[in-house]
C-alpha atoms as a PDB file:
ATOM      1  CA  UNK A   1       0.000   0.000   0.000  1.00  0.00           C
ATOM      2  CA  UNK A   2       1.186   3.456  -0.783  1.00  0.00           C
ATOM      3  CA  UNK A   3       1.824   5.885   2.031  1.00  0.00           C
ATOM      4  CA  UNK A   4      -0.538   8.802   2.301  1.00  0.00           C
ATOM      5  CA  UNK A   5       0.785  12.213   1.477  1.00  0.00           C
ATOM      6  CA  UNK A   6       0.123  15.215   3.639  1.00  0.00           C
ATOM      7  CA  UNK A   7      -1.927  17.999   2.123  1.00  0.00           C
ATOM      8  CA  UNK A   8       0.153  20.884   0.853  1.00  0.00           C
ATOM      9  CA  UNK A   9       0.098  23.895   3.134  1.00  0.00           C
ATOM     10  CA  UNK A  10      -1.402  27.029   1.717  1.00  0.00           C
ATOM     11  CA  UNK A  11       1.194  29.670   1.133  1.00  0.00           C
ATOM     12  CA  UNK A  12       0.769  32.841   3.097  1.00  0.00           C
ATOM     13  CA  UNK A  13       0.900  36.195   1.326  1.00  0.00           C
ATOM     14  CA  UNK A  14       4.070  37.111   3.249  1.00  0.00           C
ATOM     15  CA  UNK A  15       6.226  34.571   1.516  1.00  0.00           C
ATOM     16  CA  UNK A  16       5.244  31.561   3.642  1.00  0.00           C
ATOM     17  CA  UNK A  17       7.422  28.864   4.971  1.00  0.00           C
ATOM     18  CA  UNK A  18       7.760  27.628   8.452  1.00  0.00           C
ATOM     19  CA  UNK A  19       8.829  30.085  11.062  1.00  0.00           C
ATOM     20  CA  UNK A  20      11.608  29.039  13.390  1.00  0.00           C
ATOM     21  CA  UNK A  21      10.545  28.592  16.948  1.00  0.00           C
ATOM     22  CA  UNK A  22      12.781  29.416  19.862  1.00  0.00           C
ATOM     23  CA  UNK A  23      13.974  26.750  22.234  1.00  0.00           C
ATOM     24  CA  UNK A  24      11.624  26.027  25.099  1.00  0.00           C
ATOM     25  CA  UNK A  25      12.993  26.372  28.601  1.00  0.00           C
ATOM     26  CA  UNK A  26      13.447  23.018  30.320  1.00  0.00           C
ATOM     27  CA  UNK A  27      11.067  22.202  33.097  1.00  0.00           C
ATOM     28  CA  UNK A  28      12.478  21.263  36.454  1.00  0.00           C
ATOM     29  CA  UNK A  29      11.988  17.571  37.158  1.00  0.00           C
ATOM     30  CA  UNK A  30      10.111  16.614  40.271  1.00  0.00           C
ATOM     31  CA  UNK A  31      12.244  15.000  42.949  1.00  0.00           C
ATOM     32  CA  UNK A  32      11.823  11.231  43.016  1.00  0.00           C
ATOM     33  CA  UNK A  33      10.625   9.651  46.202  1.00  0.00           C
ATOM     34  CA  UNK A  34      13.179   7.485  47.971  1.00  0.00           C
ATOM     35  CA  UNK A  35      12.695   3.790  47.187  1.00  0.00           C
ATOM     36  CA  UNK A  36      11.685   1.611  50.077  1.00  0.00           C
ATOM     37  CA  UNK A  37      13.968  -1.394  50.505  1.00  0.00           C
ATOM     38  CA  UNK A  38      12.208  -4.724  50.093  1.00  0.00           C
ATOM     39  CA  UNK A  39      11.889  -6.855  53.161  1.00  0.00           C
ATOM     40  CA  UNK A  40      13.750 -10.130  52.793  1.00  0.00           C
ATOM     41  CA  UNK A  41      11.410 -12.953  53.631  1.00  0.00           C
ATOM     42  CA  UNK A  42      12.708 -15.210  56.379  1.00  0.00           C
ATOM     43  CA  UNK A  43      13.491 -18.807  55.582  1.00  0.00           C
ATOM     44  CA  UNK A  44      16.002 -20.839  53.628  1.00  0.00           C
ATOM     45  CA  UNK A  45      16.698 -20.016  49.993  1.00  0.00           C
ATOM     46  CA  UNK A  46      15.130 -22.058  47.225  1.00  0.00           C
ATOM     47  CA  UNK A  47      18.350 -23.920  46.409  1.00  0.00           C
ATOM     48  CA  UNK A  48      18.591 -25.317  49.939  1.00  0.00           C
ATOM     49  CA  UNK A  49      14.983 -26.489  49.928  1.00  0.00           C
ATOM     50  CA  UNK A  50      15.366 -28.121  46.513  1.00  0.00           C
ATOM     51  CA  UNK A  51      18.550 -29.943  47.568  1.00  0.00           C
ATOM     52  CA  UNK A  52      16.852 -31.310  50.703  1.00  0.00           C
ATOM     53  CA  UNK A  53      13.816 -32.492  48.723  1.00  0.00           C
ATOM     54  CA  UNK A  54      16.078 -34.100  46.098  1.00  0.00           C
ATOM     55  CA  UNK A  55      18.043 -35.935  48.794  1.00  0.00           C
ATOM     56  CA  UNK A  56      14.871 -37.270  50.398  1.00  0.00           C
ATOM     57  CA  UNK A  57      13.544 -38.462  47.028  1.00  0.00           C
ATOM     58  CA  UNK A  58      16.822 -40.246  46.187  1.00  0.00           C
ATOM     59  CA  UNK A  59      16.827 -41.968  49.590  1.00  0.00           C
ATOM     60  CA  UNK A  60      13.194 -43.058  49.113  1.00  0.00           C
ATOM     61  CA  UNK A  61      14.025 -44.422  45.646  1.00  0.00           C
ATOM     62  CA  UNK A  62      16.957 -46.471  46.995  1.00  0.00           C
ATOM     63  CA  UNK A  63      14.784 -47.931  49.754  1.00  0.00           C
ATOM     64  CA  UNK A  64      11.992 -48.781  47.298  1.00  0.00           C
ATOM     65  CA  UNK A  65      14.391 -50.508  44.893  1.00  0.00           C
ATOM     66  CA  UNK A  66      15.936 -52.448  47.780  1.00  0.00           C
ATOM     67  CA  UNK A  67      12.477 -53.499  48.964  1.00  0.00           C
ATOM     68  CA  UNK A  68      11.524 -54.691  45.474  1.00  0.00           C
ATOM     69  CA  UNK A  69      14.791 -56.674  45.126  1.00  0.00           C
ATOM     70  CA  UNK A  70      14.189 -58.253  48.528  1.00  0.00           C
ATOM     71  CA  UNK A  71      10.622 -59.260  47.725  1.00  0.00           C
ATOM     72  CA  UNK A  72      11.288 -60.705  44.290  1.00  0.00           C
ATOM     73  CA  UNK A  73      14.816 -62.071  44.567  1.00  0.00           C
ATOM     74  CA  UNK A  74      15.555 -62.266  48.303  1.00  0.00           C
ATOM     75  CA  UNK A  75      18.657 -60.090  47.881  1.00  0.00           C
ATOM     76  CA  UNK A  76      17.683 -56.910  49.677  1.00  0.00           C
ATOM     77  CA  UNK A  77      20.640 -55.076  51.236  1.00  0.00           C
ATOM     78  CA  UNK A  78      18.910 -53.508  54.244  1.00  0.00           C
ATOM     79  CA  UNK A  79      17.113 -56.589  55.559  1.00  0.00           C
ATOM     80  CA  UNK A  80      17.276 -59.534  53.127  1.00  0.00           C
ATOM     81  CA  UNK A  81      15.521 -62.016  55.416  1.00  0.00           C
ATOM     82  CA  UNK A  82      12.654 -59.725  56.366  1.00  0.00           C
ATOM     83  CA  UNK A  83      11.213 -59.528  52.864  1.00  0.00           C
ATOM     84  CA  UNK A  84      10.691 -63.217  52.296  1.00  0.00           C
ATOM     85  CA  UNK A  85       7.193 -64.308  53.129  1.00  0.00           C
ATOM     86  CA  UNK A  86       7.051 -67.272  55.474  1.00  0.00           C
ATOM     87  CA  UNK A  87       6.163 -70.518  53.750  1.00  0.00           C
ATOM     88  CA  UNK A  88       3.276 -72.408  55.276  1.00  0.00           C
ATOM     89  CA  UNK A  89       4.298 -75.811  56.522  1.00  0.00           C
ATOM     90  CA  UNK A  90       2.628 -78.616  54.654  1.00  0.00           C
ATOM     91  CA  UNK A  91       2.009 -81.853  56.489  1.00  0.00           C
END
Protein backbone atom coordinates (compact mmCIF):
# COMPACT_ATOMS: atom_id res chain seq x y z
CA UNK A 1 0.00 0.00 0.00
CA UNK A 2 1.19 3.46 -0.78
CA UNK A 3 1.82 5.88 2.03
CA UNK A 4 -0.54 8.80 2.30
CA UNK A 5 0.79 12.21 1.48
CA UNK A 6 0.12 15.21 3.64
CA UNK A 7 -1.93 18.00 2.12
CA UNK A 8 0.15 20.88 0.85
CA UNK A 9 0.10 23.89 3.13
CA UNK A 10 -1.40 27.03 1.72
CA UNK A 11 1.19 29.67 1.13
CA UNK A 12 0.77 32.84 3.10
CA UNK A 13 0.90 36.19 1.33
CA UNK A 14 4.07 37.11 3.25
CA UNK A 15 6.23 34.57 1.52
CA UNK A 16 5.24 31.56 3.64
CA UNK A 17 7.42 28.86 4.97
CA UNK A 18 7.76 27.63 8.45
CA UNK A 19 8.83 30.09 11.06
CA UNK A 20 11.61 29.04 13.39
CA UNK A 21 10.55 28.59 16.95
CA UNK A 22 12.78 29.42 19.86
CA UNK A 23 13.97 26.75 22.23
CA UNK A 24 11.62 26.03 25.10
CA UNK A 25 12.99 26.37 28.60
CA UNK A 26 13.45 23.02 30.32
CA UNK A 27 11.07 22.20 33.10
CA UNK A 28 12.48 21.26 36.45
CA UNK A 29 11.99 17.57 37.16
CA UNK A 30 10.11 16.61 40.27
CA UNK A 31 12.24 15.00 42.95
CA UNK A 32 11.82 11.23 43.02
CA UNK A 33 10.62 9.65 46.20
CA UNK A 34 13.18 7.48 47.97
CA UNK A 35 12.69 3.79 47.19
CA UNK A 36 11.69 1.61 50.08
CA UNK A 37 13.97 -1.39 50.51
CA UNK A 38 12.21 -4.72 50.09
CA UNK A 39 11.89 -6.86 53.16
CA UNK A 40 13.75 -10.13 52.79
CA UNK A 41 11.41 -12.95 53.63
CA UNK A 42 12.71 -15.21 56.38
CA UNK A 43 13.49 -18.81 55.58
CA UNK A 44 16.00 -20.84 53.63
CA UNK A 45 16.70 -20.02 49.99
CA UNK A 46 15.13 -22.06 47.23
CA UNK A 47 18.35 -23.92 46.41
CA UNK A 48 18.59 -25.32 49.94
CA UNK A 49 14.98 -26.49 49.93
CA UNK A 50 15.37 -28.12 46.51
CA UNK A 51 18.55 -29.94 47.57
CA UNK A 52 16.85 -31.31 50.70
CA UNK A 53 13.82 -32.49 48.72
CA UNK A 54 16.08 -34.10 46.10
CA UNK A 55 18.04 -35.94 48.79
CA UNK A 56 14.87 -37.27 50.40
CA UNK A 57 13.54 -38.46 47.03
CA UNK A 58 16.82 -40.25 46.19
CA UNK A 59 16.83 -41.97 49.59
CA UNK A 60 13.19 -43.06 49.11
CA UNK A 61 14.03 -44.42 45.65
CA UNK A 62 16.96 -46.47 46.99
CA UNK A 63 14.78 -47.93 49.75
CA UNK A 64 11.99 -48.78 47.30
CA UNK A 65 14.39 -50.51 44.89
CA UNK A 66 15.94 -52.45 47.78
CA UNK A 67 12.48 -53.50 48.96
CA UNK A 68 11.52 -54.69 45.47
CA UNK A 69 14.79 -56.67 45.13
CA UNK A 70 14.19 -58.25 48.53
CA UNK A 71 10.62 -59.26 47.73
CA UNK A 72 11.29 -60.70 44.29
CA UNK A 73 14.82 -62.07 44.57
CA UNK A 74 15.56 -62.27 48.30
CA UNK A 75 18.66 -60.09 47.88
CA UNK A 76 17.68 -56.91 49.68
CA UNK A 77 20.64 -55.08 51.24
CA UNK A 78 18.91 -53.51 54.24
CA UNK A 79 17.11 -56.59 55.56
CA UNK A 80 17.28 -59.53 53.13
CA UNK A 81 15.52 -62.02 55.42
CA UNK A 82 12.65 -59.72 56.37
CA UNK A 83 11.21 -59.53 52.86
CA UNK A 84 10.69 -63.22 52.30
CA UNK A 85 7.19 -64.31 53.13
CA UNK A 86 7.05 -67.27 55.47
CA UNK A 87 6.16 -70.52 53.75
CA UNK A 88 3.28 -72.41 55.28
CA UNK A 89 4.30 -75.81 56.52
CA UNK A 90 2.63 -78.62 54.65
CA UNK A 91 2.01 -81.85 56.49
